[in-house]
Protein backbone atom coordinates (compact mmCIF):
# COMPACT_ATOMS: atom_id res chain seq x y z
CA MET A 1 0.00 0.00 0.00
CA ASN A 2 1.40 3.38 -0.92
CA MET A 3 0.71 6.71 0.80
CA SER A 4 -1.88 7.75 -1.78
CA ASP A 5 -3.97 4.68 -0.88
CA MET A 6 -4.13 5.64 2.79
CA LYS A 7 -7.01 7.76 3.98
CA HIS A 8 -6.33 10.15 6.84
CA THR A 9 -8.77 12.20 8.76
CA LEU A 10 -7.58 15.47 10.16
CA ALA A 11 -9.20 16.63 13.37
CA ARG A 12 -8.77 20.39 13.27
CA SER A 13 -9.94 22.87 15.87
CA ASN A 14 -8.81 26.08 17.53
CA LEU A 15 -7.95 26.42 21.22
CA PHE A 16 -9.57 29.86 21.34
CA GLU A 17 -12.91 28.83 19.78
CA HIS A 18 -15.95 28.04 21.91
CA VAL A 19 -14.68 29.99 24.91
CA ALA A 20 -17.72 30.66 27.08
CA PRO A 21 -18.35 34.24 28.23
CA SER A 22 -17.43 35.56 31.66
CA GLY A 23 -19.54 34.10 34.45
CA ALA A 24 -19.70 30.67 32.83
CA ASP A 25 -18.63 27.51 34.59
CA GLU A 26 -15.01 26.52 34.31
CA ARG A 27 -14.62 24.33 31.22
CA PHE A 28 -12.45 21.24 30.73
CA ASP A 29 -12.15 19.83 27.20
CA SER A 30 -10.22 16.61 26.60
CA LEU A 31 -8.27 16.93 23.35
CA VAL A 32 -6.23 13.72 23.50
CA ASP A 33 -6.42 10.76 25.89
CA LYS A 34 -4.22 7.91 24.67
CA HIS A 35 -1.41 5.71 25.92
CA GLY A 36 -1.43 7.27 29.39
CA VAL A 37 -1.19 10.83 28.10
CA ARG A 38 -4.07 13.28 28.45
CA ILE A 39 -4.09 16.74 26.90
CA GLU A 40 -6.86 19.09 27.87
CA ARG A 41 -7.89 22.66 27.37
CA ILE A 42 -9.12 24.47 30.46
CA VAL A 43 -11.01 27.76 30.34
CA SER A 44 -11.32 29.70 33.60
CA HIS A 45 -13.21 32.93 34.30
CA GLY A 46 -12.13 34.20 37.71
CA HIS A 47 -12.16 30.66 39.06
CA ALA A 48 -9.98 29.43 41.90
CA SER A 49 -9.60 26.23 43.89
CA PRO A 50 -11.80 26.06 46.99
CA PRO A 51 -10.11 27.22 50.20
CA ASP A 52 -7.85 24.53 51.68
CA PHE A 53 -8.20 22.35 48.54
CA TRP A 54 -5.00 20.95 47.00
CA TYR A 55 -4.55 19.02 43.77
CA ASP A 56 -2.40 15.92 44.34
CA SER A 57 -2.06 14.15 41.00
CA PRO A 58 -0.59 10.69 40.48
CA ARG A 59 0.72 11.91 37.10
CA THR A 60 3.13 14.63 36.07
CA GLU A 61 1.42 17.74 34.70
CA TRP A 62 2.83 20.31 32.31
CA VAL A 63 0.62 23.36 31.98
CA VAL A 64 0.91 26.49 29.85
CA LEU A 65 -1.24 29.60 30.18
CA LEU A 66 -2.26 30.72 26.68
CA SER A 67 -4.34 33.79 27.60
CA GLY A 68 -5.57 35.65 30.65
CA ALA A 69 -3.77 35.51 33.97
CA ALA A 70 -3.46 33.01 36.80
CA THR A 71 -1.79 32.44 40.13
CA LEU A 72 -0.78 29.01 41.39
CA GLU A 73 0.23 28.11 44.92
CA PHE A 74 2.40 25.14 45.83
CA GLU A 75 2.26 23.59 49.26
CA GLY A 76 5.30 24.65 51.27
CA ASP A 77 6.26 27.51 48.92
CA PRO A 78 5.73 30.93 50.53
CA ALA A 79 5.61 32.83 47.21
CA PRO A 80 2.79 32.30 44.72
CA CYS A 81 3.55 31.45 41.09
CA VAL A 82 2.07 34.28 39.00
CA LEU A 83 1.51 33.33 35.35
CA LYS A 84 1.06 35.46 32.26
CA PRO A 85 0.36 34.21 28.72
CA GLY A 86 3.15 31.96 27.51
CA ASP A 87 4.32 30.97 30.99
CA HIS A 88 4.45 27.24 31.63
CA VAL A 89 5.06 25.08 34.69
CA LEU A 90 6.05 21.44 35.17
CA ILE A 91 4.24 19.99 38.19
CA GLU A 92 5.80 16.77 39.40
CA VAL A 93 3.81 13.75 40.59
CA HIS A 94 2.08 14.39 43.94
CA ARG A 95 3.30 18.02 44.07
CA ARG A 96 0.39 19.55 45.95
CA HIS A 97 -0.83 22.74 44.31
CA ARG A 98 -3.91 24.88 43.91
CA VAL A 99 -5.20 27.62 41.63
CA ALA A 100 -5.26 30.72 43.83
CA ALA A 101 -6.83 32.97 41.17
CA THR A 102 -7.56 33.44 37.49
CA SER A 103 -8.44 36.60 35.61
CA ASP A 104 -12.04 37.72 35.84
CA ALA A 105 -11.46 40.42 33.18
CA GLU A 106 -10.84 37.91 30.37
CA PRO A 107 -10.85 34.14 29.93
CA SER A 108 -7.77 32.30 31.15
CA VAL A 109 -7.12 29.55 28.62
CA TRP A 110 -4.78 26.77 29.71
CA LEU A 111 -3.33 23.77 27.94
CA ALA A 112 -2.52 20.93 30.31
CA VAL A 113 -0.60 17.75 29.49
CA TYR A 114 -0.76 14.88 32.00
CA TYR A 115 1.55 11.89 31.68
CA PRO A 116 2.82 9.05 33.84
CA ASP A 117 6.39 9.05 35.14
């Protein structure tokens, strides 16, 4: 079989399409979930983790902020991690963290990649 005989489907979309307006619920869209790797788009509108809540993931997480603004807190770190568009963070397995704040003036669009160690 040569390449011209193969049929490929191209799943095309845009990370900035279908972003709900301010006041909407936080949105999580799974883009890829295969072979232990999950990639998702997250859209936040002034959302934050509940008080005293900490994420504690069994997988490594790499996250990039594409638009908006956000502040992360890591357990044991006195200084918050303030993010602007283009900033990215690698969060190791079981590194307890929380979202302290996201912009309420514009959507904060994240791309998160979760993978096993």
